[in-house]
Amino acid sequence: MKKVESIWAELSAKASQEVENTQEVELSEEQVELASAKEVASMASKVNALQKKVRKQTDTSEAKGEVAYRATLDLNESVSELKDLMSRLEKDMNDVSKQVKDLGMNPQDVPALKSSLDIIKDANQAMALGEREVKNQTKGFKV
């Protein structure tokens, strides 16, 4: 009987040890699953934060694009207006120059004509810059 009890005790100990080993394996698997779930949750959180950042930057870019588009339209309108005014100024200057010559005077001696020539020179440069900028900006709008 002692031998049976001894074998029984030995088998019980082995069975108990196998249950503990099985529990350890199951706990390890659960820990791995929890760690993987945490990594997935962390990655999902990062993705969510990044997609929000992209949406915000897109909104900001669109708003800046709209502002740039409006500014380009305004610039184009100003350039057109400048062209018209310059054309009228040059015509008026020619008329005044003829009148001054008819009076026997040198048009270069009339301060208004002399300063108008400087203004036209500056206006031509400004107009060229404006036209170039409108051209460059409108290239960017053709997406």
C-alpha atoms as a PDB file:
ATOM      1  CA  MET A   1       0.000   0.000   0.000  1.00  0.00           C
ATOM      2  CA  LYS A   2       2.852   2.321   0.759  1.00  0.00           C
ATOM      3  CA  LYS A   3       4.143   1.802  -2.690  1.00  0.00           C
ATOM      4  CA  VAL A   4       0.744   2.728  -4.157  1.00  0.00           C
ATOM      5  CA  GLU A   5       0.621   5.844  -1.955  1.00  0.00           C
ATOM      6  CA  SER A   6       4.111   6.764  -3.016  1.00  0.00           C
ATOM      7  CA  ILE A   7       3.278   6.349  -6.712  1.00  0.00           C
ATOM      8  CA  TRP A   8       0.023   8.249  -6.171  1.00  0.00           C
ATOM      9  CA  ALA A   9       1.872  11.094  -4.462  1.00  0.00           C
ATOM     10  CA  GLU A  10       4.448  11.122  -7.229  1.00  0.00           C
ATOM     11  CA  LEU A  11       1.773  11.179  -9.941  1.00  0.00           C
ATOM     12  CA  SER A  12      -0.134  13.901  -8.091  1.00  0.00           C
ATOM     13  CA  ALA A  13       3.006  15.996  -7.830  1.00  0.00           C
ATOM     14  CA  LYS A  14       3.693  15.555 -11.548  1.00  0.00           C
ATOM     15  CA  ALA A  15       0.094  16.407 -12.414  1.00  0.00           C
ATOM     16  CA  SER A  16       0.243  19.462 -10.179  1.00  0.00           C
ATOM     17  CA  GLN A  17       3.522  20.533 -11.787  1.00  0.00           C
ATOM     18  CA  GLU A  18       2.043  20.069 -15.295  1.00  0.00           C
ATOM     19  CA  VAL A  19      -0.968  22.221 -14.311  1.00  0.00           C
ATOM     20  CA  GLU A  20       1.412  24.924 -13.066  1.00  0.00           C
ATOM     21  CA  ASN A  21       3.452  24.717 -16.279  1.00  0.00           C
ATOM     22  CA  THR A  22       0.272  24.904 -18.365  1.00  0.00           C
ATOM     23  CA  GLN A  23      -0.891  27.934 -16.351  1.00  0.00           C
ATOM     24  CA  GLU A  24       2.508  29.601 -16.854  1.00  0.00           C
ATOM     25  CA  VAL A  25       2.321  28.988 -20.611  1.00  0.00           C
ATOM     26  CA  GLU A  26      -1.234  30.335 -20.719  1.00  0.00           C
ATOM     27  CA  LEU A  27      -0.222  33.394 -18.686  1.00  0.00           C
ATOM     28  CA  SER A  28       2.761  33.975 -20.957  1.00  0.00           C
ATOM     29  CA  GLU A  29       0.516  33.759 -24.015  1.00  0.00           C
ATOM     30  CA  GLU A  30      -1.925  36.202 -22.423  1.00  0.00           C
ATOM     31  CA  GLN A  31       0.927  38.568 -21.607  1.00  0.00           C
ATOM     32  CA  VAL A  32       2.150  38.395 -25.210  1.00  0.00           C
ATOM     33  CA  GLU A  33      -1.394  39.028 -26.435  1.00  0.00           C
ATOM     34  CA  LEU A  34      -1.740  41.987 -24.049  1.00  0.00           C
ATOM     35  CA  ALA A  35       1.617  43.392 -25.134  1.00  0.00           C
ATOM     36  CA  SER A  36       0.619  43.032 -28.795  1.00  0.00           C
ATOM     37  CA  ALA A  37      -2.738  44.659 -28.089  1.00  0.00           C
ATOM     38  CA  LYS A  38      -0.962  47.542 -26.343  1.00  0.00           C
ATOM     39  CA  GLU A  39       1.365  47.982 -29.326  1.00  0.00           C
ATOM     40  CA  VAL A  40      -1.596  47.997 -31.690  1.00  0.00           C
ATOM     41  CA  ALA A  41      -3.423  50.531 -29.506  1.00  0.00           C
ATOM     42  CA  SER A  42      -0.300  52.688 -29.339  1.00  0.00           C
ATOM     43  CA  MET A  43       0.197  52.538 -33.092  1.00  0.00           C
ATOM     44  CA  ALA A  44      -3.477  53.316 -33.681  1.00  0.00           C
ATOM     45  CA  SER A  45      -3.164  56.323 -31.398  1.00  0.00           C
ATOM     46  CA  LYS A  46      -0.129  57.555 -33.344  1.00  0.00           C
ATOM     47  CA  VAL A  47      -1.928  57.043 -36.657  1.00  0.00           C
ATOM     48  CA  ASN A  48      -4.948  58.935 -35.359  1.00  0.00           C
ATOM     49  CA  ALA A  49      -2.792  61.842 -34.171  1.00  0.00           C
ATOM     50  CA  LEU A  50      -0.969  61.952 -37.503  1.00  0.00           C
ATOM     51  CA  GLN A  51      -4.161  61.853 -39.575  1.00  0.00           C
ATOM     52  CA  LYS A  52      -5.509  64.763 -37.518  1.00  0.00           C
ATOM     53  CA  LYS A  53      -2.272  66.659 -38.168  1.00  0.00           C
ATOM     54  CA  VAL A  54      -2.530  65.983 -41.916  1.00  0.00           C
ATOM     55  CA  ARG A  55      -6.151  67.169 -41.959  1.00  0.00           C
ATOM     56  CA  LYS A  56      -5.222  70.346 -40.096  1.00  0.00           C
ATOM     57  CA  GLN A  57      -2.273  71.028 -42.409  1.00  0.00           C
ATOM     58  CA  THR A  58      -4.494  70.398 -45.431  1.00  0.00           C
ATOM     59  CA  ASP A  59      -7.071  72.859 -44.130  1.00  0.00           C
ATOM     60  CA  THR A  60      -4.331  75.411 -43.452  1.00  0.00           C
ATOM     61  CA  SER A  61      -2.804  74.852 -46.885  1.00  0.00           C
ATOM     62  CA  GLU A  62      -6.181  75.219 -48.566  1.00  0.00           C
ATOM     63  CA  ALA A  63      -6.840  78.430 -46.632  1.00  0.00           C
ATOM     64  CA  LYS A  64      -3.429  79.826 -47.558  1.00  0.00           C
ATOM     65  CA  GLY A  65      -4.024  78.773 -51.142  1.00  0.00           C
ATOM     66  CA  GLU A  66      -7.329  80.635 -51.154  1.00  0.00           C
ATOM     67  CA  VAL A  67      -5.634  83.724 -49.707  1.00  0.00           C
ATOM     68  CA  ALA A  68      -2.830  83.452 -52.286  1.00  0.00           C
ATOM     69  CA  TYR A  69      -5.382  83.004 -55.064  1.00  0.00           C
ATOM     70  CA  ARG A  70      -7.314  86.098 -53.972  1.00  0.00           C
ATOM     71  CA  ALA A  71      -4.093  88.083 -53.625  1.00  0.00           C
ATOM     72  CA  THR A  72      -3.088  87.048 -57.143  1.00  0.00           C
ATOM     73  CA  LEU A  73      -6.459  88.105 -58.509  1.00  0.00           C
ATOM     74  CA  ASP A  74      -6.101  91.457 -56.721  1.00  0.00           C
ATOM     75  CA  LEU A  75      -2.571  91.861 -58.074  1.00  0.00           C
ATOM     76  CA  ASN A  76      -3.716  91.050 -61.603  1.00  0.00           C
ATOM     77  CA  GLU A  77      -6.478  93.633 -61.295  1.00  0.00           C
ATOM     78  CA  SER A  78      -4.018  96.241 -60.029  1.00  0.00           C
ATOM     79  CA  VAL A  79      -1.601  95.501 -62.889  1.00  0.00           C
ATOM     80  CA  SER A  80      -4.422  95.934 -65.408  1.00  0.00           C
ATOM     81  CA  GLU A  81      -5.470  99.178 -63.766  1.00  0.00           C
ATOM     82  CA  LEU A  82      -1.858 100.392 -63.788  1.00  0.00           C
ATOM     83  CA  LYS A  83      -1.571  99.628 -67.512  1.00  0.00           C
ATOM     84  CA  ASP A  84      -4.701 101.643 -68.239  1.00  0.00           C
ATOM     85  CA  LEU A  85      -3.594 104.620 -66.144  1.00  0.00           C
ATOM     86  CA  MET A  86      -0.111 104.576 -67.649  1.00  0.00           C
ATOM     87  CA  SER A  87      -1.583 104.580 -71.127  1.00  0.00           C
ATOM     88  CA  ARG A  88      -3.759 107.580 -70.277  1.00  0.00           C
ATOM     89  CA  LEU A  89      -0.819 109.373 -68.586  1.00  0.00           C
ATOM     90  CA  GLU A  90       1.432 108.858 -71.608  1.00  0.00           C
ATOM     91  CA  LYS A  91      -1.289 110.190 -73.905  1.00  0.00           C
ATOM     92  CA  ASP A  92      -1.824 113.217 -71.665  1.00  0.00           C
ATOM     93  CA  MET A  93       1.942 113.797 -71.446  1.00  0.00           C
ATOM     94  CA  ASN A  94       2.200 113.749 -75.241  1.00  0.00           C
ATOM     95  CA  ASP A  95      -0.643 116.279 -75.490  1.00  0.00           C
ATOM     96  CA  VAL A  96       0.975 118.584 -72.913  1.00  0.00           C
ATOM     97  CA  SER A  97       4.405 118.225 -74.565  1.00  0.00           C
ATOM     98  CA  LYS A  98       2.893 119.325 -77.889  1.00  0.00           C
ATOM     99  CA  GLN A  99       1.223 122.313 -76.222  1.00  0.00           C
ATOM    100  CA  VAL A 100       4.477 123.286 -74.483  1.00  0.00           C
ATOM    101  CA  LYS A 101       6.366 123.049 -77.787  1.00  0.00           C
ATOM    102  CA  ASP A 102       3.661 125.155 -79.482  1.00  0.00           C
ATOM    103  CA  LEU A 103       4.374 127.818 -76.879  1.00  0.00           C
ATOM    104  CA  GLY A 104       8.069 127.665 -77.800  1.00  0.00           C
ATOM    105  CA  MET A 105       9.199 125.979 -74.588  1.00  0.00           C
ATOM    106  CA  ASN A 106      11.237 122.842 -73.970  1.00  0.00           C
ATOM    107  CA  PRO A 107       9.074 120.027 -72.454  1.00  0.00           C
ATOM    108  CA  GLN A 108      12.082 118.998 -70.319  1.00  0.00           C
ATOM    109  CA  ASP A 109      11.741 122.353 -68.511  1.00  0.00           C
ATOM    110  CA  VAL A 110       8.239 121.484 -67.277  1.00  0.00           C
ATOM    111  CA  PRO A 111       8.621 119.831 -63.821  1.00  0.00           C
ATOM    112  CA  ALA A 112       5.346 117.875 -64.096  1.00  0.00           C
ATOM    113  CA  LEU A 113       6.448 116.240 -67.335  1.00  0.00           C
ATOM    114  CA  LYS A 114       9.921 115.461 -66.004  1.00  0.00           C
ATOM    115  CA  SER A 115       8.608 113.835 -62.813  1.00  0.00           C
ATOM    116  CA  SER A 116       5.969 111.961 -64.837  1.00  0.00           C
ATOM    117  CA  LEU A 117       8.730 110.353 -66.904  1.00  0.00           C
ATOM    118  CA  ASP A 118      10.379 109.064 -63.709  1.00  0.00           C
ATOM    119  CA  ILE A 119       7.036 107.773 -62.480  1.00  0.00           C
ATOM    120  CA  ILE A 120       6.401 105.973 -65.765  1.00  0.00           C
ATOM    121  CA  LYS A 121       9.837 104.338 -65.539  1.00  0.00           C
ATOM    122  CA  ASP A 122       9.105 103.096 -62.002  1.00  0.00           C
ATOM    123  CA  ALA A 123       5.581 102.044 -63.000  1.00  0.00           C
ATOM    124  CA  ASN A 124       6.924  99.984 -65.923  1.00  0.00           C
ATOM    125  CA  GLN A 125       9.211  98.116 -63.535  1.00  0.00           C
ATOM    126  CA  ALA A 126       6.377  97.566 -61.058  1.00  0.00           C
ATOM    127  CA  MET A 127       4.098  96.393 -63.840  1.00  0.00           C
ATOM    128  CA  ALA A 128       6.709  93.910 -65.096  1.00  0.00           C
ATOM    129  CA  LEU A 129       7.182  92.556 -61.568  1.00  0.00           C
ATOM    130  CA  GLY A 130       3.437  92.274 -61.051  1.00  0.00           C
ATOM    131  CA  GLU A 131       2.878  90.529 -64.376  1.00  0.00           C
ATOM    132  CA  ARG A 132       5.690  88.073 -63.660  1.00  0.00           C
ATOM    133  CA  GLU A 133       4.279  87.316 -60.201  1.00  0.00           C
ATOM    134  CA  VAL A 134       0.760  86.792 -61.556  1.00  0.00           C
ATOM    135  CA  LYS A 135       2.173  84.456 -64.212  1.00  0.00           C
ATOM    136  CA  ASN A 136       4.175  82.481 -61.610  1.00  0.00           C
ATOM    137  CA  GLN A 137       1.263  82.258 -59.191  1.00  0.00           C
ATOM    138  CA  THR A 138      -1.250  81.160 -61.796  1.00  0.00           C
ATOM    139  CA  LYS A 139       1.072  78.298 -62.775  1.00  0.00           C
ATOM    140  CA  GLY A 140       0.756  77.066 -59.191  1.00  0.00           C
ATOM    141  CA  PHE A 141      -3.049  77.169 -59.329  1.00  0.00           C
ATOM    142  CA  LYS A 142      -3.224  74.796 -62.297  1.00  0.00           C
ATOM    143  CA  VAL A 143      -3.153  71.589 -60.267  1.00  0.00           C
END
